[in-house]
Each structure stands twice: as structure tokens, then as C-alpha cells.
């Protein structure tokens, strides 16, 4: 099987440009992709990219449309918007957390970062991207929010009970006073 031209081009870039290598090693990666912006349907995705979503890489084509059907459509709109901003301004990072639907139907939360590769005129011609799976982090975050909400509800209940106890103590003191006895609580 012939090697994909974008994969070969990416390897050549890594050899020639230290920024590319630094970008790739800047974190633990759960997939990389390399996109031909001059032929936008053409995109190379690493095997790990597909495996992270439960696919055998042989099942998938190296086309942008392959992943675009898996991403949450609201998140896809955000990605496109951020991509356009990054293309216009190289100092604007391409970095967001998006939701993908995995092969088994579960949701994967993915931090998706990218770097536009520009020609000598500054025109973006390729896009290099990296994925980090942050699903466990997002699930933990959701669990912590739920626990916080539960604690806030318990706190409100406790405050309500404390207010009720204060009212009852005042009533007991009022009754004791009416009976000619000493107040017990104040």
C-alpha cells in the first residue's frame, strides 16, 4: 500500500522544522492529524487518532469528512470558527475541547490543538493538529459539580433547620416567660 502523501510530507517537515517537532512532543498525544488546506478534503490522521474512538484505522479514509461526522455539531461550528481565526492570525491559538461520538456511542471529550503551517507569503497551506483525550477529566469535573450541588443543598437544609431551631428556642423562652420561669435559651 502506498504511503499517504501528507504523512510523508509531515515526516519531512518534522525533519526540517524544529517548531514542528517541539509541537508534537509538547504533550502526551492521543492522535495527530495533518490537513492539506489547499485540498481541504485531504487529511492524514494517525492510527492512534482512530483507535482512540474505537475504530480500526483501516476502516477509515484519510478525509476530513470522516471525523466531521463524529464530532458534536455545535462543537464543529466552534472548531470552524476557531480555525478561521487561527488562519487569519497566527498568534491566535487553535485550542478547544470538543465532543466526539465514539464507535460504541459513548462520548469522548478531546482537547484539539492545531498549528497552521504557512508558505513564504504567510498563507496557511497545511494544518497540524494534536488530540488529547480529556474524558476522564471532564467526567471527574461533572462528578465534582454534582457533589458540590449536593453539598449546597445540604447546607441550605442545615441553615433552614438552624433558623427553625432558633424560632423554636424563642417560642420556648416566650412560653417559659409566660409561665413565670427563667428563659432557657437567651
N, C-alpha and C. Protein backbone atom coordinates (compact mmCIF):
# COMPACT_ATOMS: atom_id res chain seq x y z
N UNK A 1 0.84 -1.19 0.00
CA UNK A 1 0.00 0.00 0.00
C UNK A 1 0.89 1.25 0.00
N UNK A 2 0.55 2.18 -0.84
CA UNK A 2 1.33 3.40 -0.98
C UNK A 2 1.16 4.31 0.23
N UNK A 3 2.26 4.89 0.67
CA UNK A 3 2.21 5.79 1.82
C UNK A 3 1.48 7.08 1.44
N UNK A 4 0.63 7.54 2.33
CA UNK A 4 -0.15 8.76 2.08
C UNK A 4 0.81 9.95 1.95
N UNK A 5 0.57 10.79 0.95
CA UNK A 5 1.49 11.91 0.69
C UNK A 5 1.56 12.90 1.85
N UNK A 6 0.46 13.09 2.57
CA UNK A 6 0.50 14.03 3.69
C UNK A 6 1.33 13.47 4.85
N UNK A 7 1.29 12.16 5.04
CA UNK A 7 2.11 11.55 6.09
C UNK A 7 3.59 11.76 5.76
N UNK A 8 3.96 11.51 4.51
CA UNK A 8 5.36 11.70 4.09
C UNK A 8 5.76 13.17 4.24
N UNK A 9 4.89 14.07 3.83
CA UNK A 9 5.18 15.49 3.94
C UNK A 9 5.37 15.91 5.40
N UNK A 10 4.53 15.36 6.28
CA UNK A 10 4.66 15.67 7.71
C UNK A 10 6.00 15.19 8.25
N UNK A 11 6.40 13.99 7.89
CA UNK A 11 7.70 13.49 8.34
C UNK A 11 8.83 14.39 7.85
N UNK A 12 8.74 14.84 6.62
CA UNK A 12 9.76 15.75 6.08
C UNK A 12 9.77 17.07 6.86
N UNK A 13 8.59 17.58 7.19
CA UNK A 13 8.52 18.82 7.97
C UNK A 13 9.15 18.66 9.34
N UNK A 14 8.89 17.53 9.99
CA UNK A 14 9.46 17.28 11.32
C UNK A 14 10.98 17.31 11.24
N UNK A 15 11.53 16.77 10.16
CA UNK A 15 12.98 16.76 9.98
C UNK A 15 13.54 18.16 9.76
N UNK A 16 12.79 19.00 9.05
CA UNK A 16 13.29 20.31 8.64
C UNK A 16 13.00 21.43 9.63
N UNK A 17 11.91 21.34 10.37
CA UNK A 17 11.46 22.47 11.18
C UNK A 17 11.33 22.04 12.64
N UNK A 18 12.20 22.55 13.49
CA UNK A 18 12.20 22.15 14.90
C UNK A 18 10.91 22.55 15.62
N UNK A 19 10.23 23.60 15.12
CA UNK A 19 8.96 24.00 15.75
C UNK A 19 7.93 22.87 15.67
N UNK A 20 7.95 22.16 14.57
CA UNK A 20 7.00 21.06 14.38
C UNK A 20 7.29 19.96 15.39
N UNK A 21 8.55 19.60 15.52
CA UNK A 21 8.93 18.57 16.49
C UNK A 21 8.56 18.99 17.91
N UNK A 22 8.85 20.24 18.26
CA UNK A 22 8.51 20.74 19.60
C UNK A 22 7.01 20.69 19.83
N UNK A 23 6.26 21.04 18.82
CA UNK A 23 4.79 20.99 18.95
C UNK A 23 4.33 19.56 19.22
N UNK A 24 4.87 18.61 18.49
CA UNK A 24 4.45 17.22 18.65
C UNK A 24 4.80 16.65 20.02
N UNK A 25 5.95 17.05 20.54
CA UNK A 25 6.35 16.48 21.82
C UNK A 25 5.86 17.30 23.01
N UNK A 26 5.07 18.34 22.78
CA UNK A 26 4.64 19.22 23.87
C UNK A 26 3.64 18.56 24.82
N UNK A 27 3.20 17.41 24.52
CA UNK A 27 2.28 16.72 25.43
C UNK A 27 2.05 15.30 24.99
N UNK A 28 1.43 14.58 25.83
CA UNK A 28 1.04 13.21 25.52
C UNK A 28 -0.09 13.27 24.51
N UNK A 29 0.08 12.63 23.40
CA UNK A 29 -0.88 12.75 22.31
C UNK A 29 -1.75 11.51 22.17
N UNK A 30 -3.02 11.74 21.90
CA UNK A 30 -3.96 10.66 21.63
C UNK A 30 -4.36 10.66 20.17
N UNK A 31 -3.55 11.24 19.37
CA UNK A 31 -3.78 11.27 17.93
C UNK A 31 -3.27 12.56 17.34
N UNK A 32 -2.75 12.45 16.13
CA UNK A 32 -2.34 13.66 15.40
C UNK A 32 -2.99 13.63 14.02
N UNK A 33 -3.08 14.80 13.46
CA UNK A 33 -3.65 14.93 12.12
C UNK A 33 -2.90 16.02 11.37
N UNK A 34 -2.92 15.89 10.07
CA UNK A 34 -2.22 16.83 9.21
C UNK A 34 -3.11 17.08 8.01
N UNK A 35 -3.46 18.33 7.80
CA UNK A 35 -4.53 18.70 6.88
C UNK A 35 -3.99 19.54 5.73
N UNK A 36 -4.35 19.19 4.53
CA UNK A 36 -3.98 19.94 3.33
C UNK A 36 -5.03 21.03 3.11
N UNK A 37 -4.70 22.27 3.45
CA UNK A 37 -5.66 23.36 3.34
C UNK A 37 -5.91 23.79 1.89
N UNK A 38 -5.02 23.38 1.01
CA UNK A 38 -5.22 23.67 -0.41
C UNK A 38 -6.17 22.65 -1.05
N UNK A 39 -6.27 21.49 -0.45
CA UNK A 39 -7.23 20.44 -0.85
C UNK A 39 -7.93 20.01 0.44
N UNK A 40 -8.88 20.82 0.93
CA UNK A 40 -9.42 20.66 2.29
C UNK A 40 -10.04 19.31 2.62
N UNK A 41 -10.40 18.52 1.63
CA UNK A 41 -10.96 17.20 1.96
C UNK A 41 -9.85 16.21 2.33
N UNK A 42 -8.60 16.55 1.98
CA UNK A 42 -7.47 15.65 2.22
C UNK A 42 -6.86 15.91 3.59
N UNK A 43 -6.85 14.86 4.39
CA UNK A 43 -6.31 14.97 5.75
C UNK A 43 -5.77 13.61 6.16
N UNK A 44 -4.57 13.63 6.73
CA UNK A 44 -3.99 12.39 7.26
C UNK A 44 -4.21 12.36 8.76
N UNK A 45 -4.73 11.23 9.27
CA UNK A 45 -4.93 11.04 10.70
C UNK A 45 -4.10 9.84 11.14
N UNK A 46 -3.41 9.99 12.27
CA UNK A 46 -2.59 8.90 12.78
C UNK A 46 -3.48 7.72 13.20
N UNK A 47 -2.92 6.52 13.22
CA UNK A 47 -3.71 5.37 13.68
C UNK A 47 -4.28 5.59 15.09
N UNK A 48 -3.50 6.21 15.95
CA UNK A 48 -3.96 6.46 17.33
C UNK A 48 -5.19 7.36 17.33
N UNK A 49 -5.29 8.28 16.40
CA UNK A 49 -6.45 9.15 16.26
C UNK A 49 -7.72 8.30 16.20
N UNK A 50 -7.70 7.30 15.30
CA UNK A 50 -8.89 6.46 15.11
C UNK A 50 -9.08 5.47 16.25
N UNK A 51 -8.00 4.90 16.74
CA UNK A 51 -8.09 3.92 17.82
C UNK A 51 -8.72 4.54 19.07
N UNK A 52 -8.43 5.79 19.31
CA UNK A 52 -9.00 6.48 20.48
C UNK A 52 -10.52 6.51 20.43
N UNK A 53 -11.08 6.45 19.22
CA UNK A 53 -12.53 6.48 19.06
C UNK A 53 -13.12 5.09 18.82
N UNK A 54 -12.29 4.06 18.97
CA UNK A 54 -12.77 2.69 18.86
C UNK A 54 -12.77 2.11 17.46
N UNK A 55 -12.10 2.78 16.54
CA UNK A 55 -12.06 2.31 15.15
C UNK A 55 -10.73 1.65 14.83
N UNK A 56 -10.78 0.68 13.95
CA UNK A 56 -9.57 0.16 13.34
C UNK A 56 -9.20 1.20 12.27
N UNK A 57 -7.98 1.72 12.29
CA UNK A 57 -7.61 2.75 11.32
C UNK A 57 -7.86 2.34 9.86
N UNK A 58 -7.87 1.04 9.59
CA UNK A 58 -8.11 0.57 8.22
C UNK A 58 -9.57 0.80 7.80
N UNK A 59 -10.46 1.00 8.78
CA UNK A 59 -11.88 1.25 8.48
C UNK A 59 -12.12 2.66 7.95
N UNK A 60 -11.18 3.56 8.21
CA UNK A 60 -11.40 4.97 7.93
C UNK A 60 -10.52 5.47 6.80
N UNK A 61 -11.06 6.42 6.06
CA UNK A 61 -10.31 7.07 4.98
C UNK A 61 -9.65 8.32 5.53
N UNK A 62 -8.62 8.77 4.85
CA UNK A 62 -7.93 9.99 5.24
C UNK A 62 -8.63 11.20 4.61
N UNK A 63 -9.84 11.45 5.10
CA UNK A 63 -10.66 12.55 4.60
C UNK A 63 -11.23 13.33 5.78
N UNK A 64 -11.32 14.64 5.63
CA UNK A 64 -11.86 15.49 6.69
C UNK A 64 -13.29 15.09 7.04
N UNK A 65 -14.05 14.67 6.05
CA UNK A 65 -15.45 14.30 6.30
C UNK A 65 -15.57 13.09 7.23
N UNK A 66 -14.54 12.27 7.33
CA UNK A 66 -14.58 11.09 8.19
C UNK A 66 -14.73 11.47 9.66
N UNK A 67 -13.99 12.49 10.11
CA UNK A 67 -14.10 12.88 11.53
C UNK A 67 -15.22 13.88 11.76
N UNK A 68 -15.57 14.64 10.73
CA UNK A 68 -16.59 15.68 10.91
C UNK A 68 -17.97 15.11 11.21
N UNK A 69 -18.21 13.87 10.84
CA UNK A 69 -19.49 13.25 11.17
C UNK A 69 -19.51 12.73 12.61
N UNK A 70 -18.34 12.61 13.23
CA UNK A 70 -18.24 12.08 14.59
C UNK A 70 -18.27 13.17 15.66
N UNK A 71 -17.97 14.40 15.27
CA UNK A 71 -17.86 15.48 16.24
C UNK A 71 -19.25 16.09 16.50
N UNK A 72 -19.49 16.50 17.73
CA UNK A 72 -20.73 17.18 18.07
C UNK A 72 -20.87 18.39 17.15
N UNK A 73 -22.04 18.57 16.56
CA UNK A 73 -22.21 19.60 15.53
C UNK A 73 -22.03 21.02 16.07
N UNK A 74 -22.42 21.28 17.33
CA UNK A 74 -22.15 22.60 17.92
C UNK A 74 -20.65 22.81 18.08
N UNK A 75 -19.95 21.75 18.48
CA UNK A 75 -18.50 21.83 18.63
C UNK A 75 -17.81 21.99 17.28
N UNK A 76 -18.37 21.37 16.24
CA UNK A 76 -17.80 21.53 14.90
C UNK A 76 -17.87 22.99 14.47
N UNK A 77 -18.99 23.65 14.75
CA UNK A 77 -19.12 25.08 14.42
C UNK A 77 -18.06 25.89 15.14
N UNK A 78 -17.83 25.57 16.43
CA UNK A 78 -16.80 26.27 17.20
C UNK A 78 -15.42 26.01 16.59
N UNK A 79 -15.15 24.77 16.21
CA UNK A 79 -13.86 24.42 15.60
C UNK A 79 -13.62 25.22 14.32
N UNK A 80 -14.64 25.28 13.49
CA UNK A 80 -14.52 26.01 12.23
C UNK A 80 -14.26 27.49 12.49
N UNK A 81 -14.99 28.05 13.44
CA UNK A 81 -14.80 29.46 13.80
C UNK A 81 -13.38 29.71 14.32
N UNK A 82 -12.92 28.85 15.23
CA UNK A 82 -11.57 28.99 15.78
C UNK A 82 -10.51 28.78 14.71
N UNK A 83 -10.78 27.86 13.79
CA UNK A 83 -9.86 27.60 12.68
C UNK A 83 -9.71 28.84 11.81
N UNK A 84 -10.83 29.47 11.47
CA UNK A 84 -10.78 30.68 10.64
C UNK A 84 -10.01 31.79 11.35
N UNK A 85 -10.21 31.93 12.65
CA UNK A 85 -9.49 32.96 13.42
C UNK A 85 -7.99 32.66 13.44
N UNK A 86 -7.63 31.39 13.60
CA UNK A 86 -6.21 31.00 13.63
C UNK A 86 -5.56 31.21 12.26
N UNK A 87 -6.30 30.92 11.19
CA UNK A 87 -5.76 31.14 9.84
C UNK A 87 -5.43 32.61 9.62
N UNK A 88 -6.30 33.49 10.11
CA UNK A 88 -6.09 34.93 9.92
C UNK A 88 -4.99 35.48 10.81
N UNK A 89 -4.85 34.92 12.00
CA UNK A 89 -3.90 35.44 12.99
C UNK A 89 -3.09 34.29 13.58
N UNK A 90 -1.82 34.15 13.18
CA UNK A 90 -1.00 33.05 13.69
C UNK A 90 -0.79 33.10 15.20
N UNK A 91 -1.00 34.26 15.80
CA UNK A 91 -0.85 34.38 17.25
C UNK A 91 -2.10 33.93 18.00
N UNK A 92 -3.17 33.71 17.27
CA UNK A 92 -4.42 33.23 17.88
C UNK A 92 -4.34 31.70 17.94
N UNK A 93 -4.28 31.12 19.14
CA UNK A 93 -4.15 29.66 19.21
C UNK A 93 -5.39 28.93 18.71
N UNK A 94 -5.16 27.79 18.14
CA UNK A 94 -6.25 26.88 17.78
C UNK A 94 -6.26 25.82 18.88
N UNK A 95 -7.17 25.97 19.83
CA UNK A 95 -7.16 25.11 21.02
C UNK A 95 -8.56 25.12 21.62
N UNK A 96 -9.19 23.97 21.66
CA UNK A 96 -10.53 23.87 22.23
C UNK A 96 -10.79 22.43 22.68
N UNK A 97 -11.82 22.28 23.50
CA UNK A 97 -12.26 20.94 23.93
C UNK A 97 -13.57 20.66 23.22
N UNK A 98 -13.61 19.51 22.55
CA UNK A 98 -14.78 19.14 21.75
C UNK A 98 -15.22 17.72 22.10
N UNK A 99 -16.46 17.43 21.74
CA UNK A 99 -17.04 16.11 21.99
C UNK A 99 -17.14 15.32 20.69
N UNK A 100 -16.62 14.10 20.74
CA UNK A 100 -16.73 13.15 19.64
C UNK A 100 -17.60 11.98 20.09
N UNK A 101 -18.38 11.44 19.17
CA UNK A 101 -19.11 10.21 19.45
C UNK A 101 -18.24 9.05 18.97
N UNK A 102 -17.92 8.17 19.91
CA UNK A 102 -17.08 7.02 19.60
C UNK A 102 -17.91 5.95 18.88
N UNK A 103 -17.23 4.96 18.36
CA UNK A 103 -17.89 3.88 17.63
C UNK A 103 -18.95 3.19 18.49
N UNK A 104 -18.69 3.06 19.81
CA UNK A 104 -19.65 2.39 20.70
C UNK A 104 -20.78 3.31 21.17
N UNK A 105 -20.79 4.56 20.67
CA UNK A 105 -21.85 5.50 21.03
C UNK A 105 -21.54 6.38 22.22
N UNK A 106 -20.47 6.07 22.95
CA UNK A 106 -20.10 6.90 24.09
C UNK A 106 -19.45 8.19 23.61
N UNK A 107 -19.35 9.15 24.52
CA UNK A 107 -18.77 10.46 24.18
C UNK A 107 -17.33 10.52 24.67
N UNK A 108 -16.47 11.01 23.81
CA UNK A 108 -15.07 11.28 24.16
C UNK A 108 -14.88 12.79 24.13
N UNK A 109 -14.36 13.32 25.22
CA UNK A 109 -14.02 14.74 25.30
C UNK A 109 -12.56 14.87 24.88
N UNK A 110 -12.31 15.66 23.85
CA UNK A 110 -10.98 15.76 23.26
C UNK A 110 -10.50 17.21 23.23
N UNK A 111 -9.29 17.41 23.76
CA UNK A 111 -8.65 18.72 23.59
C UNK A 111 -7.98 18.67 22.22
N UNK A 112 -8.39 19.56 21.36
CA UNK A 112 -7.93 19.60 19.98
C UNK A 112 -7.13 20.88 19.77
N UNK A 113 -5.84 20.71 19.49
CA UNK A 113 -4.97 21.85 19.25
C UNK A 113 -4.41 21.76 17.84
N UNK A 114 -4.10 22.91 17.28
CA UNK A 114 -3.56 22.90 15.93
C UNK A 114 -2.62 24.05 15.67
N UNK A 115 -1.83 23.89 14.63
CA UNK A 115 -0.86 24.89 14.22
C UNK A 115 -0.90 25.00 12.70
N UNK A 116 -1.20 26.19 12.20
CA UNK A 116 -1.21 26.41 10.75
C UNK A 116 0.22 26.48 10.25
N UNK A 117 0.49 25.74 9.19
CA UNK A 117 1.79 25.79 8.52
C UNK A 117 1.60 26.73 7.33
N UNK A 118 2.44 27.76 7.28
CA UNK A 118 2.26 28.82 6.29
C UNK A 118 3.37 28.78 5.24
N UNK A 119 3.02 29.23 4.04
CA UNK A 119 4.03 29.33 2.99
C UNK A 119 4.86 30.59 3.21
N UNK A 120 5.77 30.88 2.29
CA UNK A 120 6.67 32.03 2.45
C UNK A 120 5.92 33.36 2.48
N UNK A 121 4.69 33.38 1.96
CA UNK A 121 3.88 34.60 1.98
C UNK A 121 2.99 34.72 3.22
N UNK A 122 3.07 33.71 4.09
CA UNK A 122 2.25 33.72 5.30
C UNK A 122 0.87 33.13 5.12
N UNK A 123 0.62 32.55 3.96
CA UNK A 123 -0.68 31.93 3.69
C UNK A 123 -0.71 30.53 4.28
N UNK A 124 -1.73 30.21 5.06
CA UNK A 124 -1.81 28.85 5.61
C UNK A 124 -2.05 27.84 4.49
N UNK A 125 -1.18 26.82 4.44
CA UNK A 125 -1.32 25.79 3.41
C UNK A 125 -1.57 24.41 4.01
N UNK A 126 -1.20 24.22 5.27
CA UNK A 126 -1.40 22.96 5.97
C UNK A 126 -1.80 23.30 7.41
N UNK A 127 -2.34 22.31 8.07
CA UNK A 127 -2.68 22.45 9.49
C UNK A 127 -2.25 21.17 10.18
N UNK A 128 -1.45 21.32 11.22
CA UNK A 128 -1.00 20.20 12.03
C UNK A 128 -1.79 20.22 13.33
N UNK A 129 -2.33 19.08 13.72
CA UNK A 129 -3.15 19.04 14.92
C UNK A 129 -2.81 17.89 15.83
N UNK A 130 -3.15 18.08 17.09
CA UNK A 130 -2.92 17.06 18.12
C UNK A 130 -4.16 16.93 18.98
N UNK A 131 -4.45 15.69 19.35
CA UNK A 131 -5.57 15.40 20.23
C UNK A 131 -5.07 14.87 21.57
N UNK A 132 -5.72 15.32 22.63
CA UNK A 132 -5.52 14.75 23.96
C UNK A 132 -6.89 14.39 24.50
N UNK A 133 -7.06 13.14 24.91
CA UNK A 133 -8.33 12.69 25.46
C UNK A 133 -8.44 13.19 26.90
N UNK A 134 -9.43 14.03 27.16
CA UNK A 134 -9.65 14.58 28.50
C UNK A 134 -10.99 14.09 29.08
N UNK A 135 -11.46 12.95 28.57
CA UNK A 135 -12.76 12.41 29.01
C UNK A 135 -12.77 12.18 30.51
N UNK A 136 -11.75 11.55 31.05
CA UNK A 136 -11.70 11.27 32.49
C UNK A 136 -11.75 12.57 33.28
N UNK A 137 -11.04 13.56 32.83
CA UNK A 137 -11.05 14.87 33.50
C UNK A 137 -12.45 15.48 33.48
N UNK A 138 -13.11 15.44 32.32
CA UNK A 138 -14.47 16.00 32.21
C UNK A 138 -15.47 15.22 33.06
N UNK A 139 -15.33 13.90 33.11
CA UNK A 139 -16.22 13.09 33.95
C UNK A 139 -16.01 13.40 35.42
N UNK A 140 -14.75 13.56 35.82
CA UNK A 140 -14.44 13.91 37.21
C UNK A 140 -14.99 15.29 37.53
N UNK A 141 -14.83 16.21 36.60
CA UNK A 141 -15.36 17.57 36.78
C UNK A 141 -16.88 17.53 36.96
N UNK A 142 -17.57 16.75 36.15
CA UNK A 142 -19.03 16.63 36.26
C UNK A 142 -19.43 16.03 37.60
N UNK A 143 -18.68 15.02 38.04
CA UNK A 143 -18.96 14.38 39.33
C UNK A 143 -18.74 15.37 40.47
N UNK A 144 -17.69 16.16 40.39
CA UNK A 144 -17.42 17.17 41.43
C UNK A 144 -18.50 18.24 41.46
N UNK A 145 -18.98 18.64 40.29
CA UNK A 145 -20.08 19.62 40.24
C UNK A 145 -21.34 19.05 40.89
N UNK A 146 -21.61 17.77 40.63
CA UNK A 146 -22.78 17.12 41.23
C UNK A 146 -22.62 17.08 42.75
N UNK A 147 -21.45 16.70 43.23
CA UNK A 147 -21.20 16.66 44.68
C UNK A 147 -21.32 18.05 45.30
N UNK A 148 -20.81 19.06 44.60
CA UNK A 148 -20.92 20.43 45.09
C UNK A 148 -22.37 20.85 45.20
N UNK A 149 -23.18 20.51 44.19
CA UNK A 149 -24.61 20.83 44.24
C UNK A 149 -25.29 20.13 45.41
N UNK A 150 -24.93 18.86 45.64
CA UNK A 150 -25.49 18.12 46.77
C UNK A 150 -25.11 18.79 48.09
N UNK A 151 -23.85 19.19 48.22
CA UNK A 151 -23.40 19.86 49.45
C UNK A 151 -24.11 21.20 49.64
N UNK A 152 -24.32 21.93 48.55
CA UNK A 152 -25.03 23.20 48.66
C UNK A 152 -26.47 22.98 49.12
N UNK A 153 -27.11 21.92 48.63
CA UNK A 153 -28.47 21.60 49.07
C UNK A 153 -28.49 21.23 50.54
N UNK A 154 -27.54 20.41 50.97
CA UNK A 154 -27.46 20.04 52.39
C UNK A 154 -27.20 21.26 53.26
N UNK A 155 -26.35 22.15 52.78
CA UNK A 155 -26.05 23.37 53.53
C UNK A 155 -27.31 24.22 53.69
N UNK A 156 -28.08 24.36 52.61
CA UNK A 156 -29.33 25.12 52.69
C UNK A 156 -30.29 24.48 53.68
N UNK A 157 -30.36 23.14 53.65
CA UNK A 157 -31.24 22.44 54.59
C UNK A 157 -30.78 22.68 56.03
N UNK A 158 -29.46 22.62 56.24
CA UNK A 158 -28.92 22.83 57.60
C UNK A 158 -29.21 24.26 58.07
N UNK A 159 -29.04 25.22 57.18
CA UNK A 159 -29.34 26.61 57.54
C UNK A 159 -30.81 26.75 57.88
N UNK A 160 -31.67 26.12 57.08
CA UNK A 160 -33.11 26.16 57.33
C UNK A 160 -33.45 25.54 58.68
N UNK A 161 -32.79 24.44 59.01
CA UNK A 161 -33.03 23.79 60.30
C UNK A 161 -32.54 24.66 61.45
N UNK A 162 -31.41 25.31 61.24
CA UNK A 162 -30.87 26.19 62.29
C UNK A 162 -31.81 27.36 62.54
N UNK A 163 -32.35 27.94 61.48
CA UNK A 163 -33.31 29.04 61.61
C UNK A 163 -34.55 28.54 62.36
N UNK A 164 -35.02 27.36 62.00
CA UNK A 164 -36.20 26.78 62.67
C UNK A 164 -35.90 26.53 64.15
N UNK A 165 -34.70 26.03 64.46
CA UNK A 165 -34.32 25.80 65.87
C UNK A 165 -34.31 27.11 66.64
N UNK A 166 -33.78 28.17 66.03
CA UNK A 166 -33.77 29.48 66.70
C UNK A 166 -35.20 29.94 66.99
N UNK A 167 -36.10 29.74 66.02
CA UNK A 167 -37.50 30.12 66.22
C UNK A 167 -38.13 29.31 67.36
N UNK A 168 -37.85 28.01 67.38
CA UNK A 168 -38.40 27.15 68.43
C UNK A 168 -37.86 27.55 69.81
N UNK A 169 -36.59 27.89 69.88
CA UNK A 169 -35.99 28.32 71.16
C UNK A 169 -36.66 29.59 71.65
N UNK A 170 -36.92 30.52 70.73
CA UNK A 170 -37.60 31.76 71.12
C UNK A 170 -39.00 31.46 71.63
N UNK A 171 -39.68 30.54 70.95
CA UNK A 171 -41.03 30.17 71.39
C UNK A 171 -41.00 29.52 72.77
N UNK A 172 -40.02 28.65 73.01
CA UNK A 172 -39.89 28.02 74.33
C UNK A 172 -39.62 29.08 75.38
N UNK A 173 -38.72 30.02 75.09
CA UNK A 173 -38.42 31.10 76.04
C UNK A 173 -39.66 31.95 76.31
N UNK A 174 -40.45 32.22 75.26
CA UNK A 174 -41.67 33.01 75.43
C UNK A 174 -42.65 32.26 76.33
N UNK A 175 -42.82 30.97 76.10
CA UNK A 175 -43.72 30.16 76.94
C UNK A 175 -43.22 30.10 78.39
N UNK A 176 -41.91 29.94 78.56
CA UNK A 176 -41.34 29.90 79.91
C UNK A 176 -41.58 31.23 80.63
N UNK A 177 -41.43 32.33 79.90
CA UNK A 177 -41.65 33.65 80.49
C UNK A 177 -43.11 33.79 80.92
N UNK A 178 -44.04 33.33 80.04
CA UNK A 178 -45.47 33.40 80.37
C UNK A 178 -45.81 32.55 81.59
N UNK A 179 -45.04 31.48 81.81
CA UNK A 179 -45.26 30.62 82.97
C UNK A 179 -44.51 31.13 84.20
N UNK A 180 -43.80 32.23 84.02
CA UNK A 180 -43.07 32.81 85.13
C UNK A 180 -41.75 32.12 85.42
N UNK A 181 -41.24 31.45 84.50
CA UNK A 181 -39.96 30.76 84.68
C UNK A 181 -38.85 31.49 83.94
N UNK A 182 -37.62 31.11 84.27
CA UNK A 182 -36.46 31.71 83.61
C UNK A 182 -36.34 31.19 82.18
N UNK A 183 -35.86 32.10 81.31
CA UNK A 183 -35.61 31.70 79.92
C UNK A 183 -34.50 30.66 79.90
N UNK A 184 -34.63 29.74 79.00
CA UNK A 184 -33.66 28.67 78.91
C UNK A 184 -32.59 28.92 77.83
N UNK A 185 -32.94 29.66 76.78
CA UNK A 185 -32.05 29.76 75.62
C UNK A 185 -31.45 31.14 75.38
N UNK A 186 -32.01 32.19 75.93
CA UNK A 186 -31.43 33.51 75.65
C UNK A 186 -31.01 34.21 76.92
